[in-house]
Amino acid sequence: MLDPIIFGLMIGAFLFCTGILIVIIKKNAIFVMIGIELMLNGANVNFVVFSGSDPNIQGQLMGIFVVVLAAAESVVALAIMLNIFRHFQTLDLNSLKKLKH
């Protein structure tokens, strides 16, 4: 039988590594943002798993902070991507390397 802490850490590591792979492999800005969200969720799972064995609520507070940070990051990133798409008509990161006309 697998220890619940080890199982939770494995899930968090899987989410984090999947996010890193998406950020490295994908060329679309939407997918890169999804990869960043997966990395944040993987770290959040680790905070919650570690807070289960800690009598303080510091891990849960950090988890709430990560959720708020992810929401704020999503709003700002989507606004930036919307403006980039309006201007360049693409979200392909390779074609956006030069932001000059």
PDB file of N, CA and C in Angstrom:
ATOM      1  N   MET A   1       0.852  -1.186   0.000  1.00  0.00           N
ATOM      2  CA  MET A   1       0.000   0.000   0.000  1.00  0.00           C
ATOM      3  C   MET A   1       0.889   1.238   0.000  1.00  0.00           C
ATOM      4  N   LEU A   2       0.481   2.224  -0.760  1.00  0.00           N
ATOM      5  CA  LEU A   2       1.258   3.444  -0.910  1.00  0.00           C
ATOM      6  C   LEU A   2       0.851   4.457   0.146  1.00  0.00           C
ATOM      7  N   ASP A   3       1.843   5.093   0.733  1.00  0.00           N
ATOM      8  CA  ASP A   3       1.593   6.118   1.732  1.00  0.00           C
ATOM      9  C   ASP A   3       0.870   7.307   1.080  1.00  0.00           C
ATOM     10  N   PRO A   4      -0.152   7.878   1.734  1.00  0.00           N
ATOM     11  CA  PRO A   4      -0.886   9.002   1.118  1.00  0.00           C
ATOM     12  C   PRO A   4      -0.010  10.217   0.829  1.00  0.00           C
ATOM     13  N   ILE A   5       0.998  10.458   1.650  1.00  0.00           N
ATOM     14  CA  ILE A   5       1.885  11.600   1.401  1.00  0.00           C
ATOM     15  C   ILE A   5       2.711  11.357   0.139  1.00  0.00           C
ATOM     16  N   ILE A   6       3.241  10.160  -0.011  1.00  0.00           N
ATOM     17  CA  ILE A   6       4.023   9.824  -1.205  1.00  0.00           C
ATOM     18  C   ILE A   6       3.141   9.881  -2.451  1.00  0.00           C
ATOM     19  N   PHE A   7       1.917   9.369  -2.333  1.00  0.00           N
ATOM     20  CA  PHE A   7       0.999   9.392  -3.473  1.00  0.00           C
ATOM     21  C   PHE A   7       0.665  10.829  -3.888  1.00  0.00           C
ATOM     22  N   GLY A   8       0.410  11.686  -2.911  1.00  0.00           N
ATOM     23  CA  GLY A   8       0.118  13.089  -3.206  1.00  0.00           C
ATOM     24  C   GLY A   8       1.303  13.798  -3.827  1.00  0.00           C
ATOM     25  N   LEU A   9       2.503  13.512  -3.332  1.00  0.00           N
ATOM     26  CA  LEU A   9       3.704  14.118  -3.909  1.00  0.00           C
ATOM     27  C   LEU A   9       3.964  13.628  -5.329  1.00  0.00           C
ATOM     28  N   MET A  10       3.625  12.375  -5.595  1.00  0.00           N
ATOM     29  CA  MET A  10       3.772  11.859  -6.952  1.00  0.00           C
ATOM     30  C   MET A  10       2.791  12.544  -7.903  1.00  0.00           C
ATOM     31  N   ILE A  11       1.572  12.788  -7.450  1.00  0.00           N
ATOM     32  CA  ILE A  11       0.595  13.501  -8.281  1.00  0.00           C
ATOM     33  C   ILE A  11       1.076  14.929  -8.540  1.00  0.00           C
ATOM     34  N   GLY A  12       1.571  15.603  -7.494  1.00  0.00           N
ATOM     35  CA  GLY A  12       2.086  16.957  -7.660  1.00  0.00           C
ATOM     36  C   GLY A  12       3.272  17.013  -8.609  1.00  0.00           C
ATOM     37  N   ALA A  13       4.179  16.043  -8.491  1.00  0.00           N
ATOM     38  CA  ALA A  13       5.338  16.001  -9.378  1.00  0.00           C
ATOM     39  C   ALA A  13       4.918  15.715 -10.817  1.00  0.00           C
ATOM     40  N   PHE A  14       3.917  14.848 -10.996  1.00  0.00           N
ATOM     41  CA  PHE A  14       3.423  14.560 -12.338  1.00  0.00           C
ATOM     42  C   PHE A  14       2.814  15.804 -12.976  1.00  0.00           C
ATOM     43  N   LEU A  15       2.005  16.539 -12.223  1.00  0.00           N
ATOM     44  CA  LEU A  15       1.401  17.765 -12.750  1.00  0.00           C
ATOM     45  C   LEU A  15       2.475  18.789 -13.105  1.00  0.00           C
ATOM     46  N   PHE A  16       3.460  18.946 -12.208  1.00  0.00           N
ATOM     47  CA  PHE A  16       4.524  19.923 -12.449  1.00  0.00           C
ATOM     48  C   PHE A  16       5.346  19.555 -13.680  1.00  0.00           C
ATOM     49  N   CYS A  17       5.722  18.290 -13.801  1.00  0.00           N
ATOM     50  CA  CYS A  17       6.527  17.864 -14.951  1.00  0.00           C
ATOM     51  C   CYS A  17       5.733  17.953 -16.245  1.00  0.00           C
ATOM     52  N   THR A  18       4.443  17.644 -16.196  1.00  0.00           N
ATOM     53  CA  THR A  18       3.606  17.793 -17.383  1.00  0.00           C
ATOM     54  C   THR A  18       3.539  19.254 -17.804  1.00  0.00           C
ATOM     55  N   GLY A  19       3.412  20.157 -16.850  1.00  0.00           N
ATOM     56  CA  GLY A  19       3.399  21.582 -17.163  1.00  0.00           C
ATOM     57  C   GLY A  19       4.700  22.047 -17.787  1.00  0.00           C
ATOM     58  N   ILE A  20       5.827  21.569 -17.258  1.00  0.00           N
ATOM     59  CA  ILE A  20       7.125  21.940 -17.828  1.00  0.00           C
ATOM     60  C   ILE A  20       7.239  21.439 -19.265  1.00  0.00           C
ATOM     61  N   LEU A  21       6.801  20.199 -19.515  1.00  0.00           N
ATOM     62  CA  LEU A  21       6.871  19.666 -20.872  1.00  0.00           C
ATOM     63  C   LEU A  21       5.992  20.464 -21.836  1.00  0.00           C
ATOM     64  N   ILE A  22       4.815  20.866 -21.397  1.00  0.00           N
ATOM     65  CA  ILE A  22       3.934  21.656 -22.265  1.00  0.00           C
ATOM     66  C   ILE A  22       4.574  23.001 -22.574  1.00  0.00           C
ATOM     67  N   VAL A  23       5.166  23.643 -21.573  1.00  0.00           N
ATOM     68  CA  VAL A  23       5.801  24.948 -21.808  1.00  0.00           C
ATOM     69  C   VAL A  23       6.970  24.813 -22.777  1.00  0.00           C
ATOM     70  N   ILE A  24       7.736  23.729 -22.670  1.00  0.00           N
ATOM     71  CA  ILE A  24       8.898  23.547 -23.530  1.00  0.00           C
ATOM     72  C   ILE A  24       8.488  23.155 -24.954  1.00  0.00           C
ATOM     73  N   ILE A  25       7.493  22.291 -25.102  1.00  0.00           N
ATOM     74  CA  ILE A  25       7.170  21.725 -26.409  1.00  0.00           C
ATOM     75  C   ILE A  25       6.239  22.604 -27.231  1.00  0.00           C
ATOM     76  N   LYS A  26       5.196  23.124 -26.636  1.00  0.00           N
ATOM     77  CA  LYS A  26       4.157  23.823 -27.402  1.00  0.00           C
ATOM     78  C   LYS A  26       4.617  25.200 -27.863  1.00  0.00           C
ATOM     79  N   LYS A  27       4.085  25.628 -28.986  1.00  0.00           N
ATOM     80  CA  LYS A  27       4.432  26.927 -29.560  1.00  0.00           C
ATOM     81  C   LYS A  27       3.294  27.935 -29.475  1.00  0.00           C
ATOM     82  N   ASN A  28       2.118  27.492 -29.049  1.00  0.00           N
ATOM     83  CA  ASN A  28       0.972  28.378 -28.944  1.00  0.00           C
ATOM     84  C   ASN A  28       0.929  28.998 -27.551  1.00  0.00           C
ATOM     85  N   ALA A  29       0.624  30.279 -27.478  1.00  0.00           N
ATOM     86  CA  ALA A  29       0.634  30.978 -26.189  1.00  0.00           C
ATOM     87  C   ALA A  29      -0.435  30.443 -25.240  1.00  0.00           C
ATOM     88  N   ILE A  30      -1.565  30.001 -25.764  1.00  0.00           N
ATOM     89  CA  ILE A  30      -2.620  29.439 -24.914  1.00  0.00           C
ATOM     90  C   ILE A  30      -2.122  28.171 -24.231  1.00  0.00           C
ATOM     91  N   PHE A  31      -1.453  27.301 -24.989  1.00  0.00           N
ATOM     92  CA  PHE A  31      -0.941  26.067 -24.400  1.00  0.00           C
ATOM     93  C   PHE A  31       0.165  26.334 -23.384  1.00  0.00           C
ATOM     94  N   VAL A  32       0.981  27.332 -23.642  1.00  0.00           N
ATOM     95  CA  VAL A  32       2.024  27.696 -22.678  1.00  0.00           C
ATOM     96  C   VAL A  32       1.385  28.164 -21.373  1.00  0.00           C
ATOM     97  N   MET A  33       0.306  28.936 -21.477  1.00  0.00           N
ATOM     98  CA  MET A  33      -0.388  29.376 -20.270  1.00  0.00           C
ATOM     99  C   MET A  33      -1.016  28.191 -19.522  1.00  0.00           C
ATOM    100  N   ILE A  34      -1.535  27.214 -20.261  1.00  0.00           N
ATOM    101  CA  ILE A  34      -2.074  26.011 -19.626  1.00  0.00           C
ATOM    102  C   ILE A  34      -0.959  25.258 -18.903  1.00  0.00           C
ATOM    103  N   GLY A  35       0.232  25.200 -19.505  1.00  0.00           N
ATOM    104  CA  GLY A  35       1.368  24.548 -18.850  1.00  0.00           C
ATOM    105  C   GLY A  35       1.777  25.258 -17.569  1.00  0.00           C
ATOM    106  N   ILE A  36       1.746  26.580 -17.586  1.00  0.00           N
ATOM    107  CA  ILE A  36       2.076  27.339 -16.375  1.00  0.00           C
ATOM    108  C   ILE A  36       1.038  27.076 -15.285  1.00  0.00           C
ATOM    109  N   GLU A  37      -0.230  26.989 -15.676  1.00  0.00           N
ATOM    110  CA  GLU A  37      -1.284  26.681 -14.705  1.00  0.00           C
ATOM    111  C   GLU A  37      -1.089  25.285 -14.112  1.00  0.00           C
ATOM    112  N   LEU A  38      -0.678  24.326 -14.941  1.00  0.00           N
ATOM    113  CA  LEU A  38      -0.417  22.982 -14.424  1.00  0.00           C
ATOM    114  C   LEU A  38       0.747  22.980 -13.437  1.00  0.00           C
ATOM    115  N   MET A  39       1.780  23.763 -13.716  1.00  0.00           N
ATOM    116  CA  MET A  39       2.907  23.842 -12.779  1.00  0.00           C
ATOM    117  C   MET A  39       2.463  24.453 -11.455  1.00  0.00           C
ATOM    118  N   LEU A  40       1.643  25.484 -11.515  1.00  0.00           N
ATOM    119  CA  LEU A  40       1.128  26.085 -10.278  1.00  0.00           C
ATOM    120  C   LEU A  40       0.257  25.096  -9.503  1.00  0.00           C
ATOM    121  N   ASN A  41      -0.553  24.323 -10.212  1.00  0.00           N
ATOM    122  CA  ASN A  41      -1.402  23.337  -9.540  1.00  0.00           C
ATOM    123  C   ASN A  41      -0.584  22.196  -8.939  1.00  0.00           C
ATOM    124  N   GLY A  42       0.505  21.810  -9.605  1.00  0.00           N
ATOM    125  CA  GLY A  42       1.385  20.788  -9.034  1.00  0.00           C
ATOM    126  C   GLY A  42       2.028  21.258  -7.741  1.00  0.00           C
ATOM    127  N   ALA A  43       2.477  22.506  -7.714  1.00  0.00           N
ATOM    128  CA  ALA A  43       3.033  23.057  -6.478  1.00  0.00           C
ATOM    129  C   ALA A  43       1.954  23.181  -5.410  1.00  0.00           C
ATOM    130  N   ASN A  44       0.751  23.522  -5.826  1.00  0.00           N
ATOM    131  CA  ASN A  44      -0.361  23.655  -4.887  1.00  0.00           C
ATOM    132  C   ASN A  44      -0.713  22.315  -4.250  1.00  0.00           C
ATOM    133  N   VAL A  45      -0.693  21.246  -5.024  1.00  0.00           N
ATOM    134  CA  VAL A  45      -0.951  19.908  -4.477  1.00  0.00           C
ATOM    135  C   VAL A  45       0.107  19.563  -3.429  1.00  0.00           C
ATOM    136  N   ASN A  46       1.359  19.904  -3.693  1.00  0.00           N
ATOM    137  CA  ASN A  46       2.417  19.629  -2.717  1.00  0.00           C
ATOM    138  C   ASN A  46       2.205  20.416  -1.426  1.00  0.00           C
ATOM    139  N   PHE A  47       1.771  21.687  -1.533  1.00  0.00           N
ATOM    140  CA  PHE A  47       1.482  22.468  -0.333  1.00  0.00           C
ATOM    141  C   PHE A  47       0.385  21.807   0.492  1.00  0.00           C
ATOM    142  N   VAL A  48      -0.660  21.375  -0.169  1.00  0.00           N
ATOM    143  CA  VAL A  48      -1.798  20.779   0.550  1.00  0.00           C
ATOM    144  C   VAL A  48      -1.398  19.442   1.169  1.00  0.00           C
ATOM    145  N   VAL A  49      -0.601  18.647   0.463  1.00  0.00           N
ATOM    146  CA  VAL A  49      -0.164  17.351   1.014  1.00  0.00           C
ATOM    147  C   VAL A  49       0.694  17.559   2.251  1.00  0.00           C
ATOM    148  N   PHE A  50       1.622  18.504   2.189  1.00  0.00           N
ATOM    149  CA  PHE A  50       2.473  18.749   3.343  1.00  0.00           C
ATOM    150  C   PHE A  50       1.704  19.378   4.497  1.00  0.00           C
ATOM    151  N   SER A  51       0.664  20.139   4.210  1.00  0.00           N
ATOM    152  CA  SER A  51      -0.100  20.752   5.297  1.00  0.00           C
ATOM    153  C   SER A  51      -0.973  19.730   6.015  1.00  0.00           C
ATOM    154  N   GLY A  52      -1.199  18.574   5.390  1.00  0.00           N
ATOM    155  CA  GLY A  52      -1.986  17.535   6.055  1.00  0.00           C
ATOM    156  C   GLY A  52      -1.288  16.955   7.269  1.00  0.00           C
ATOM    157  N   SER A  53       0.031  16.947   7.263  1.00  0.00           N
ATOM    158  CA  SER A  53       0.778  16.407   8.404  1.00  0.00           C
ATOM    159  C   SER A  53       1.267  17.497   9.349  1.00  0.00           C
ATOM    160  N   ASP A  54       0.974  18.760   9.039  1.00  0.00           N
ATOM    161  CA  ASP A  54       1.406  19.888   9.860  1.00  0.00           C
ATOM    162  C   ASP A  54       0.205  20.437  10.618  1.00  0.00           C
ATOM    163  N   PRO A  55       0.313  20.643  11.932  1.00  0.00           N
ATOM    164  CA  PRO A  55      -0.845  21.162  12.666  1.00  0.00           C
ATOM    165  C   PRO A  55      -1.170  22.617  12.327  1.00  0.00           C
ATOM    166  N   ASN A  56      -0.212  23.366  11.813  1.00  0.00           N
ATOM    167  CA  ASN A  56      -0.487  24.743  11.408  1.00  0.00           C
ATOM    168  C   ASN A  56      -1.197  24.749  10.055  1.00  0.00           C
ATOM    169  N   ILE A  57      -1.774  25.875   9.702  1.00  0.00           N
ATOM    170  CA  ILE A  57      -2.486  25.958   8.430  1.00  0.00           C
ATOM    171  C   ILE A  57      -1.687  26.730   7.384  1.00  0.00           C
ATOM    172  N   GLN A  58      -0.378  26.744   7.520  1.00  0.00           N
ATOM    173  CA  GLN A  58       0.455  27.510   6.600  1.00  0.00           C
ATOM    174  C   GLN A  58       0.402  26.950   5.180  1.00  0.00           C
ATOM    175  N   GLY A  59       0.393  25.631   5.033  1.00  0.00           N
ATOM    176  CA  GLY A  59       0.323  25.029   3.703  1.00  0.00           C
ATOM    177  C   GLY A  59      -0.997  25.327   3.017  1.00  0.00           C
ATOM    178  N   GLN A  60      -2.087  25.307   3.781  1.00  0.00           N
ATOM    179  CA  GLN A  60      -3.398  25.610   3.195  1.00  0.00           C
ATOM    180  C   GLN A  60      -3.490  27.079   2.812  1.00  0.00           C
ATOM    181  N   LEU A  61      -2.896  27.954   3.617  1.00  0.00           N
ATOM    182  CA  LEU A  61      -2.879  29.372   3.258  1.00  0.00           C
ATOM    183  C   LEU A  61      -2.050  29.609   2.000  1.00  0.00           C
ATOM    184  N   MET A  62      -0.941  28.898   1.874  1.00  0.00           N
ATOM    185  CA  MET A  62      -0.143  29.014   0.657  1.00  0.00           C
ATOM    186  C   MET A  62      -0.912  28.477  -0.549  1.00  0.00           C
ATOM    187  N   GLY A  63      -1.706  27.426  -0.338  1.00  0.00           N
ATOM    188  CA  GLY A  63      -2.539  26.894  -1.411  1.00  0.00           C
ATOM    189  C   GLY A  63      -3.561  27.910  -1.889  1.00  0.00           C
ATOM    190  N   ILE A  64      -4.193  28.604  -0.956  1.00  0.00           N
ATOM    191  CA  ILE A  64      -5.147  29.656  -1.312  1.00  0.00           C
ATOM    192  C   ILE A  64      -4.434  30.788  -2.042  1.00  0.00           C
ATOM    193  N   PHE A  65      -3.245  31.140  -1.580  1.00  0.00           N
ATOM    194  CA  PHE A  65      -2.466  32.187  -2.239  1.00  0.00           C
ATOM    195  C   PHE A  65      -2.113  31.792  -3.664  1.00  0.00           C
ATOM    196  N   VAL A  66      -1.763  30.528  -3.893  1.00  0.00           N
ATOM    197  CA  VAL A  66      -1.426  30.064  -5.240  1.00  0.00           C
ATOM    198  C   VAL A  66      -2.653  30.127  -6.143  1.00  0.00           C
ATOM    199  N   VAL A  67      -3.827  29.786  -5.627  1.00  0.00           N
ATOM    200  CA  VAL A  67      -5.045  29.855  -6.432  1.00  0.00           C
ATOM    201  C   VAL A  67      -5.344  31.299  -6.826  1.00  0.00           C
ATOM    202  N   VAL A  68      -5.196  32.226  -5.892  1.00  0.00           N
ATOM    203  CA  VAL A  68      -5.423  33.647  -6.193  1.00  0.00           C
ATOM    204  C   VAL A  68      -4.392  34.142  -7.202  1.00  0.00           C
ATOM    205  N   LEU A  69      -3.146  33.742  -7.032  1.00  0.00           N
ATOM    206  CA  LEU A  69      -2.090  34.127  -7.971  1.00  0.00           C
ATOM    207  C   LEU A  69      -2.364  33.580  -9.363  1.00  0.00           C
ATOM    208  N   ALA A  70      -2.837  32.346  -9.450  1.00  0.00           N
ATOM    209  CA  ALA A  70      -3.140  31.750 -10.753  1.00  0.00           C
ATOM    210  C   ALA A  70      -4.298  32.472 -11.438  1.00  0.00           C
ATOM    211  N   ALA A  71      -5.294  32.867 -10.674  1.00  0.00           N
ATOM    212  CA  ALA A  71      -6.421  33.600 -11.255  1.00  0.00           C
ATOM    213  C   ALA A  71      -5.967  34.961 -11.784  1.00  0.00           C
ATOM    214  N   ALA A  72      -5.152  35.664 -11.019  1.00  0.00           N
ATOM    215  CA  ALA A  72      -4.659  36.969 -11.458  1.00  0.00           C
ATOM    216  C   ALA A  72      -3.751  36.819 -12.681  1.00  0.00           C
ATOM    217  N   GLU A  73      -2.921  35.788 -12.695  1.00  0.00           N
ATOM    218  CA  GLU A  73      -2.035  35.544 -13.836  1.00  0.00           C
ATOM    219  C   GLU A  73      -2.844  35.227 -15.083  1.00  0.00           C
ATOM    220  N   SER A  74      -3.915  34.473 -14.944  1.00  0.00           N
ATOM    221  CA  SER A  74      -4.748  34.133 -16.092  1.00  0.00           C
ATOM    222  C   SER A  74      -5.404  35.362 -16.692  1.00  0.00           C
ATOM    223  N   VAL A  75      -5.904  36.246 -15.848  1.00  0.00           N
ATOM    224  CA  VAL A  75      -6.572  37.453 -16.336  1.00  0.00           C
ATOM    225  C   VAL A  75      -5.583  38.343 -17.085  1.00  0.00           C
ATOM    226  N   VAL A  76      -4.426  38.560 -16.520  1.00  0.00           N
ATOM    227  CA  VAL A  76      -3.435  39.426 -17.161  1.00  0.00           C
ATOM    228  C   VAL A  76      -2.915  38.785 -18.451  1.00  0.00           C
ATOM    229  N   ALA A  77      -2.631  37.491 -18.422  1.00  0.00           N
ATOM    230  CA  ALA A  77      -2.100  36.822 -19.608  1.00  0.00           C
ATOM    231  C   ALA A  77      -3.129  36.792 -20.735  1.00  0.00           C
ATOM    232  N   LEU A  78      -4.385  36.550 -20.418  1.00  0.00           N
ATOM    233  CA  LEU A  78      -5.410  36.548 -21.457  1.00  0.00           C
ATOM    234  C   LEU A  78      -5.601  37.931 -22.064  1.00  0.00           C
ATOM    235  N   ALA A  79      -5.505  38.981 -21.256  1.00  0.00           N
ATOM    236  CA  ALA A  79      -5.612  40.342 -21.788  1.00  0.00           C
ATOM    237  C   ALA A  79      -4.439  40.647 -22.721  1.00  0.00           C
ATOM    238  N   ILE A  80      -3.240  40.238 -22.330  1.00  0.00           N
ATOM    239  CA  ILE A  80      -2.068  40.457 -23.185  1.00  0.00           C
ATOM    240  C   ILE A  80      -2.206  39.666 -24.484  1.00  0.00           C
ATOM    241  N   MET A  81      -2.646  38.401 -24.377  1.00  0.00           N
ATOM    242  CA  MET A  81      -2.803  37.588 -25.578  1.00  0.00           C
ATOM    243  C   MET A  81      -3.878  38.135 -26.506  1.00  0.00           C
ATOM    244  N   LEU A  82      -4.943  38.671 -25.961  1.00  0.00           N
ATOM    245  CA  LEU A  82      -5.991  39.260 -26.783  1.00  0.00           C
ATOM    246  C   LEU A  82      -5.463  40.465 -27.562  1.00  0.00           C
ATOM    247  N   ASN A  83      -4.682  41.303 -26.915  1.00  0.00           N
ATOM    248  CA  ASN A  83      -4.088  42.450 -27.612  1.00  0.00           C
ATOM    249  C   ASN A  83      -3.062  42.024 -28.659  1.00  0.00           C
ATOM    250  N   ILE A  84      -2.279  41.005 -28.358  1.00  0.00           N
ATOM    251  CA  ILE A  84      -1.316  40.497 -29.337  1.00  0.00           C
ATOM    252  C   ILE A  84      -2.036  39.913 -30.541  1.00  0.00           C
ATOM    253  N   PHE A  85      -3.116  39.175 -30.296  1.00  0.00           N
ATOM    254  CA  PHE A  85      -3.860  38.595 -31.410  1.00  0.00           C
ATOM    255  C   PHE A  85      -4.519  39.674 -32.262  1.00  0.00           C
ATOM    256  N   ARG A  86      -5.023  40.708 -31.636  1.00  0.00           N
ATOM    257  CA  ARG A  86      -5.623  41.807 -32.403  1.00  0.00           C
ATOM    258  C   ARG A  86      -4.594  42.494 -33.291  1.00  0.00           C
ATOM    259  N   HIS A  87      -3.381  42.596 -32.809  1.00  0.00           N
ATOM    260  CA  HIS A  87      -2.350  43.316 -33.558  1.00  0.00           C
ATOM    261  C   HIS A  87      -1.675  42.444 -34.609  1.00  0.00           C
ATOM    262  N   PHE A  88      -1.295  41.218 -34.271  1.00  0.00           N
ATOM    263  CA  PHE A  88      -0.521  40.359 -35.160  1.00  0.00           C
ATOM    264  C   PHE A  88      -1.334  39.259 -35.829  1.00  0.00           C
ATOM    265  N   GLN A  89      -2.567  39.023 -35.418  1.00  0.00           N
ATOM    266  CA  GLN A  89      -3.447  37.974 -35.952  1.00  0.00           C
ATOM    267  C   GLN A  89      -2.887  36.567 -35.759  1.00  0.00           C
ATOM    268  N   THR A  90      -2.055  36.356 -34.752  1.00  0.00           N
ATOM    269  CA  THR A  90      -1.530  35.034 -34.439  1.00  0.00           C
ATOM    270  C   THR A  90      -1.123  34.989 -32.974  1.00  0.00           C
ATOM    271  N   LEU A  91      -1.112  33.768 -32.434  1.00  0.00           N
ATOM    272  CA  LEU A  91      -0.588  33.542 -31.088  1.00  0.00           C
ATOM    273  C   LEU A  91       0.579  32.565 -31.109  1.00  0.00           C
ATOM    274  N   ASP A  92       1.125  32.301 -32.297  1.00  0.00           N
ATOM    275  CA  ASP A  92       2.269  31.424 -32.429  1.00  0.00           C
ATOM    276  C   ASP A  92       3.508  32.129 -31.883  1.00  0.00           C
ATOM    277  N   LEU A  93       4.157  31.508 -30.918  1.00  0.00           N
ATOM    278  CA  LEU A  93       5.277  32.159 -30.240  1.00  0.00           C
ATOM    279  C   LEU A  93       6.495  32.315 -31.130  1.00  0.00           C
ATOM    280  N   ASN A  94       6.671  31.429 -32.120  1.00  0.00           N
ATOM    281  CA  ASN A  94       7.817  31.570 -33.027  1.00  0.00           C
ATOM    282  C   ASN A  94       7.689  32.805 -33.914  1.00  0.00           C
ATOM    283  N   SER A  95       6.468  33.122 -34.321  1.00  0.00           N
ATOM    284  CA  SER A  95       6.290  34.289 -35.184  1.00  0.00           C
ATOM    285  C   SER A  95       6.254  35.584 -34.380  1.00  0.00           C
ATOM    286  N   LEU A  96       6.179  35.493 -33.067  1.00  0.00           N
ATOM    287  CA  LEU A  96       6.150  36.684 -32.233  1.00  0.00           C
ATOM    288  C   LEU A  96       7.509  37.008 -31.619  1.00  0.00           C
ATOM    289  N   LYS A  97       8.576  36.395 -32.105  1.00  0.00           N
ATOM    290  CA  LYS A  97       9.888  36.666 -31.529  1.00  0.00           C
ATOM    291  C   LYS A  97      10.322  38.095 -31.774  1.00  0.00           C
ATOM    292  N   LYS A  98       9.971  38.634 -32.944  1.00  0.00           N
ATOM    293  CA  LYS A  98      10.247  40.032 -33.209  1.00  0.00           C
ATOM    294  C   LYS A  98       8.953  40.794 -33.036  1.00  0.00           C
ATOM    295  N   LEU A  99       8.918  41.713 -32.130  1.00  0.00           N
ATOM    296  CA  LEU A  99       7.727  42.506 -31.909  1.00  0.00           C
ATOM    297  C   LEU A  99       7.830  43.855 -32.598  1.00  0.00           C
ATOM    298  N   LYS A 100       8.604  43.902 -33.690  1.00  0.00           N
ATOM    299  CA  LYS A 100       8.744  45.120 -34.479  1.00  0.00           C
ATOM    300  C   LYS A 100       7.887  44.992 -35.721  1.00  0.00           C
ATOM    301  N   HIS A 101       7.609  46.111 -36.338  1.00  0.00           N
ATOM    302  CA  HIS A 101       6.830  46.104 -37.594  1.00  0.00           C
ATOM    303  C   HIS A 101       7.764  45.964 -38.763  1.00  0.00           C
TER     304      HIS A 101
END
